[in-house]
Amino acid sequence: MSDKTQQFTVSHLKEEDFKRDGLRPYAVYRDLGFAKATHGLAQAHVIRMLPPHTPQAAKLHFHSVNFQMIYVLKGWILNKFEDQGEILMQMGSSWIQPPGIAHAVLNYSDDVELLEVILPAEFETVNL
């Protein structure tokens, strides 16, 4: 018996699915369909940061979320996290950003690609 609060969904890689309609203007996003399938419980997307790194990315901010996980699929990304300092994440690295943790993207490789899962699908970003 299936749970009607979530729908089965599949997302296959198509280059044309990467859009400039996400949270960060310096990235393109491939929506994996989680928000629709979970009725807003979660969202997931693949993010490709656009070169070159911009000062806009380095602004300290936080997200009003219940859960946020990122996994580096390709390349590397250098982040700064409140109470953690600077951490270089490389292909195969993953991290959870606790709700409200201030962070900034300090730099990234031209080929960086990230998988991000966030709960809930809709949330606020607060710039500091």
C-alpha atoms as a PDB file:
ATOM      1  CA  MET A   1       0.000   0.000   0.000  1.00  0.00           C
ATOM      2  CA  SER A   2       1.552   3.312  -1.045  1.00  0.00           C
ATOM      3  CA  ASP A   3       1.656   6.514   0.991  1.00  0.00           C
ATOM      4  CA  LYS A   4      -0.474   9.136  -0.819  1.00  0.00           C
ATOM      5  CA  THR A   5       1.446  12.026   0.776  1.00  0.00           C
ATOM      6  CA  GLN A   6       4.296  11.298  -1.631  1.00  0.00           C
ATOM      7  CA  GLN A   7       4.310  10.389  -5.304  1.00  0.00           C
ATOM      8  CA  PHE A   8       6.738   8.197  -7.185  1.00  0.00           C
ATOM      9  CA  THR A   9       9.038  10.336  -9.324  1.00  0.00           C
ATOM     10  CA  VAL A  10      12.013   9.772 -11.616  1.00  0.00           C
ATOM     11  CA  SER A  11      14.416  12.355 -13.012  1.00  0.00           C
ATOM     12  CA  HIS A  12      16.819  11.479 -15.826  1.00  0.00           C
ATOM     13  CA  LEU A  13      19.760  13.702 -16.711  1.00  0.00           C
ATOM     14  CA  LYS A  14      19.026  16.120 -19.554  1.00  0.00           C
ATOM     15  CA  GLU A  15      21.319  19.118 -20.024  1.00  0.00           C
ATOM     16  CA  GLU A  16      18.375  21.345 -20.938  1.00  0.00           C
ATOM     17  CA  ASP A  17      16.930  20.800 -17.440  1.00  0.00           C
ATOM     18  CA  PHE A  18      19.630  23.024 -15.883  1.00  0.00           C
ATOM     19  CA  LYS A  19      17.982  26.439 -15.391  1.00  0.00           C
ATOM     20  CA  ARG A  20      18.945  29.804 -13.920  1.00  0.00           C
ATOM     21  CA  ASP A  21      15.823  29.872 -11.751  1.00  0.00           C
ATOM     22  CA  GLY A  22      17.214  28.874  -8.363  1.00  0.00           C
ATOM     23  CA  LEU A  23      18.249  30.580  -5.167  1.00  0.00           C
ATOM     24  CA  ARG A  24      21.695  31.619  -6.382  1.00  0.00           C
ATOM     25  CA  PRO A  25      22.048  33.833  -9.488  1.00  0.00           C
ATOM     26  CA  TYR A  26      25.598  32.506  -9.969  1.00  0.00           C
ATOM     27  CA  ALA A  27      24.395  28.897 -10.448  1.00  0.00           C
ATOM     28  CA  VAL A  28      22.171  26.718 -12.620  1.00  0.00           C
ATOM     29  CA  TYR A  29      19.808  24.171 -11.114  1.00  0.00           C
ATOM     30  CA  ARG A  30      18.346  20.865 -12.193  1.00  0.00           C
ATOM     31  CA  ASP A  31      15.147  20.281 -10.220  1.00  0.00           C
ATOM     32  CA  LEU A  32      14.784  16.590  -9.361  1.00  0.00           C
ATOM     33  CA  GLY A  33      11.022  16.825  -8.790  1.00  0.00           C
ATOM     34  CA  PHE A  34      11.027  16.198  -5.044  1.00  0.00           C
ATOM     35  CA  ALA A  35       8.973  19.286  -4.119  1.00  0.00           C
ATOM     36  CA  LYS A  36       6.075  18.281  -6.355  1.00  0.00           C
ATOM     37  CA  ALA A  37       6.310  14.591  -5.428  1.00  0.00           C
ATOM     38  CA  THR A  38       6.329  15.352  -1.670  1.00  0.00           C
ATOM     39  CA  HIS A  39       3.793  18.202  -1.766  1.00  0.00           C
ATOM     40  CA  GLY A  40       6.430  20.620  -0.462  1.00  0.00           C
ATOM     41  CA  LEU A  41       7.965  18.386   2.216  1.00  0.00           C
ATOM     42  CA  ALA A  42      11.390  18.416   0.534  1.00  0.00           C
ATOM     43  CA  GLN A  43      13.254  19.718  -2.474  1.00  0.00           C
ATOM     44  CA  ALA A  44      16.305  18.304  -4.221  1.00  0.00           C
ATOM     45  CA  HIS A  45      18.354  19.621  -7.081  1.00  0.00           C
ATOM     46  CA  VAL A  46      21.732  19.375  -8.722  1.00  0.00           C
ATOM     47  CA  ILE A  47      23.580  22.689  -8.683  1.00  0.00           C
ATOM     48  CA  ARG A  48      26.330  23.784 -11.067  1.00  0.00           C
ATOM     49  CA  MET A  49      28.069  26.940  -9.911  1.00  0.00           C
ATOM     50  CA  LEU A  50      28.903  29.250 -12.806  1.00  0.00           C
ATOM     51  CA  PRO A  51      32.499  30.432 -13.212  1.00  0.00           C
ATOM     52  CA  PRO A  52      34.057  32.645 -12.240  1.00  0.00           C
ATOM     53  CA  HIS A  53      33.377  32.867  -8.488  1.00  0.00           C
ATOM     54  CA  THR A  54      31.722  36.191  -7.670  1.00  0.00           C
ATOM     55  CA  PRO A  55      31.817  38.316  -4.507  1.00  0.00           C
ATOM     56  CA  GLN A  56      28.025  37.858  -4.313  1.00  0.00           C
ATOM     57  CA  ALA A  57      28.601  34.177  -3.464  1.00  0.00           C
ATOM     58  CA  ALA A  58      30.864  35.097  -0.535  1.00  0.00           C
ATOM     59  CA  LYS A  59      28.144  36.958   1.392  1.00  0.00           C
ATOM     60  CA  LEU A  60      27.342  35.478   4.787  1.00  0.00           C
ATOM     61  CA  HIS A  61      23.754  34.176   5.022  1.00  0.00           C
ATOM     62  CA  PHE A  62      21.584  31.426   6.488  1.00  0.00           C
ATOM     63  CA  HIS A  63      18.495  29.495   5.472  1.00  0.00           C
ATOM     64  CA  SER A  64      15.352  28.964   7.573  1.00  0.00           C
ATOM     65  CA  VAL A  65      15.167  25.216   6.957  1.00  0.00           C
ATOM     66  CA  ASN A  66      14.607  22.067   8.992  1.00  0.00           C
ATOM     67  CA  PHE A  67      17.253  20.073   7.109  1.00  0.00           C
ATOM     68  CA  GLN A  68      19.885  20.823   4.458  1.00  0.00           C
ATOM     69  CA  MET A  69      22.374  18.305   3.042  1.00  0.00           C
ATOM     70  CA  ILE A  70      24.890  18.869   0.258  1.00  0.00           C
ATOM     71  CA  TYR A  71      27.028  16.272  -1.561  1.00  0.00           C
ATOM     72  CA  VAL A  72      29.850  17.223  -3.952  1.00  0.00           C
ATOM     73  CA  LEU A  73      29.397  15.296  -7.201  1.00  0.00           C
ATOM     74  CA  LYS A  74      32.298  16.957  -9.076  1.00  0.00           C
ATOM     75  CA  GLY A  75      34.995  19.535  -8.431  1.00  0.00           C
ATOM     76  CA  TRP A  76      35.470  21.384  -5.148  1.00  0.00           C
ATOM     77  CA  ILE A  77      33.916  24.188  -3.111  1.00  0.00           C
ATOM     78  CA  LEU A  78      35.405  26.238  -0.279  1.00  0.00           C
ATOM     79  CA  ASN A  79      32.856  27.326   2.329  1.00  0.00           C
ATOM     80  CA  LYS A  80      32.957  29.232   5.577  1.00  0.00           C
ATOM     81  CA  PHE A  81      30.609  28.078   8.349  1.00  0.00           C
ATOM     82  CA  GLU A  82      29.705  29.770  11.619  1.00  0.00           C
ATOM     83  CA  ASP A  83      31.741  28.224  14.484  1.00  0.00           C
ATOM     84  CA  GLN A  84      33.471  25.834  12.020  1.00  0.00           C
ATOM     85  CA  GLY A  85      35.688  28.116   9.941  1.00  0.00           C
ATOM     86  CA  GLU A  86      36.719  27.478   6.340  1.00  0.00           C
ATOM     87  CA  ILE A  87      36.275  23.956   4.987  1.00  0.00           C
ATOM     88  CA  LEU A  88      37.270  22.692   1.557  1.00  0.00           C
ATOM     89  CA  MET A  89      34.756  20.175   0.222  1.00  0.00           C
ATOM     90  CA  GLN A  90      35.880  17.983  -2.675  1.00  0.00           C
ATOM     91  CA  MET A  91      34.259  15.347  -4.877  1.00  0.00           C
ATOM     92  CA  GLY A  92      32.723  12.799  -2.521  1.00  0.00           C
ATOM     93  CA  SER A  93      32.430  15.214   0.433  1.00  0.00           C
ATOM     94  CA  SER A  94      29.055  15.783   2.066  1.00  0.00           C
ATOM     95  CA  TRP A  95      27.774  17.957   4.877  1.00  0.00           C
ATOM     96  CA  ILE A  96      24.666  18.875   6.797  1.00  0.00           C
ATOM     97  CA  GLN A  97      24.070  22.536   7.538  1.00  0.00           C
ATOM     98  CA  PRO A  98      22.076  22.751  10.771  1.00  0.00           C
ATOM     99  CA  PRO A  99      19.078  25.101  10.683  1.00  0.00           C
ATOM    100  CA  GLY A 100      20.169  28.733  10.833  1.00  0.00           C
ATOM    101  CA  ILE A 101      23.944  28.170  10.520  1.00  0.00           C
ATOM    102  CA  ALA A 102      25.561  31.194   8.891  1.00  0.00           C
ATOM    103  CA  HIS A 103      27.709  30.299   5.890  1.00  0.00           C
ATOM    104  CA  ALA A 104      29.285  31.669   2.720  1.00  0.00           C
ATOM    105  CA  VAL A 105      30.749  30.249  -0.482  1.00  0.00           C
ATOM    106  CA  LEU A 106      34.333  31.522  -0.619  1.00  0.00           C
ATOM    107  CA  ASN A 107      35.410  29.874  -3.869  1.00  0.00           C
ATOM    108  CA  TYR A 108      34.743  26.891  -6.147  1.00  0.00           C
ATOM    109  CA  SER A 109      36.167  25.068  -9.123  1.00  0.00           C
ATOM    110  CA  ASP A 110      34.832  25.846 -12.592  1.00  0.00           C
ATOM    111  CA  ASP A 111      33.355  22.338 -12.805  1.00  0.00           C
ATOM    112  CA  VAL A 112      31.764  22.061  -9.346  1.00  0.00           C
ATOM    113  CA  GLU A 113      28.475  20.165  -9.219  1.00  0.00           C
ATOM    114  CA  LEU A 114      26.482  19.628  -6.017  1.00  0.00           C
ATOM    115  CA  LEU A 115      23.463  17.601  -4.933  1.00  0.00           C
ATOM    116  CA  GLU A 116      21.366  19.500  -2.391  1.00  0.00           C
ATOM    117  CA  VAL A 117      18.393  18.182  -0.390  1.00  0.00           C
ATOM    118  CA  ILE A 118      16.373  20.641   1.710  1.00  0.00           C
ATOM    119  CA  LEU A 119      13.329  20.371   3.982  1.00  0.00           C
ATOM    120  CA  PRO A 120      10.908  22.026   3.529  1.00  0.00           C
ATOM    121  CA  ALA A 121      10.831  22.856  -0.186  1.00  0.00           C
ATOM    122  CA  GLU A 122       9.960  26.512   0.430  1.00  0.00           C
ATOM    123  CA  PHE A 123      12.167  28.468   2.849  1.00  0.00           C
ATOM    124  CA  GLU A 124      13.583  31.906   3.550  1.00  0.00           C
ATOM    125  CA  THR A 125      17.211  32.961   3.040  1.00  0.00           C
ATOM    126  CA  VAL A 126      18.483  35.702   5.354  1.00  0.00           C
ATOM    127  CA  ASN A 127      21.510  37.756   4.260  1.00  0.00           C
ATOM    128  CA  LEU A 128      23.742  38.958   7.102  1.00  0.00           C
END
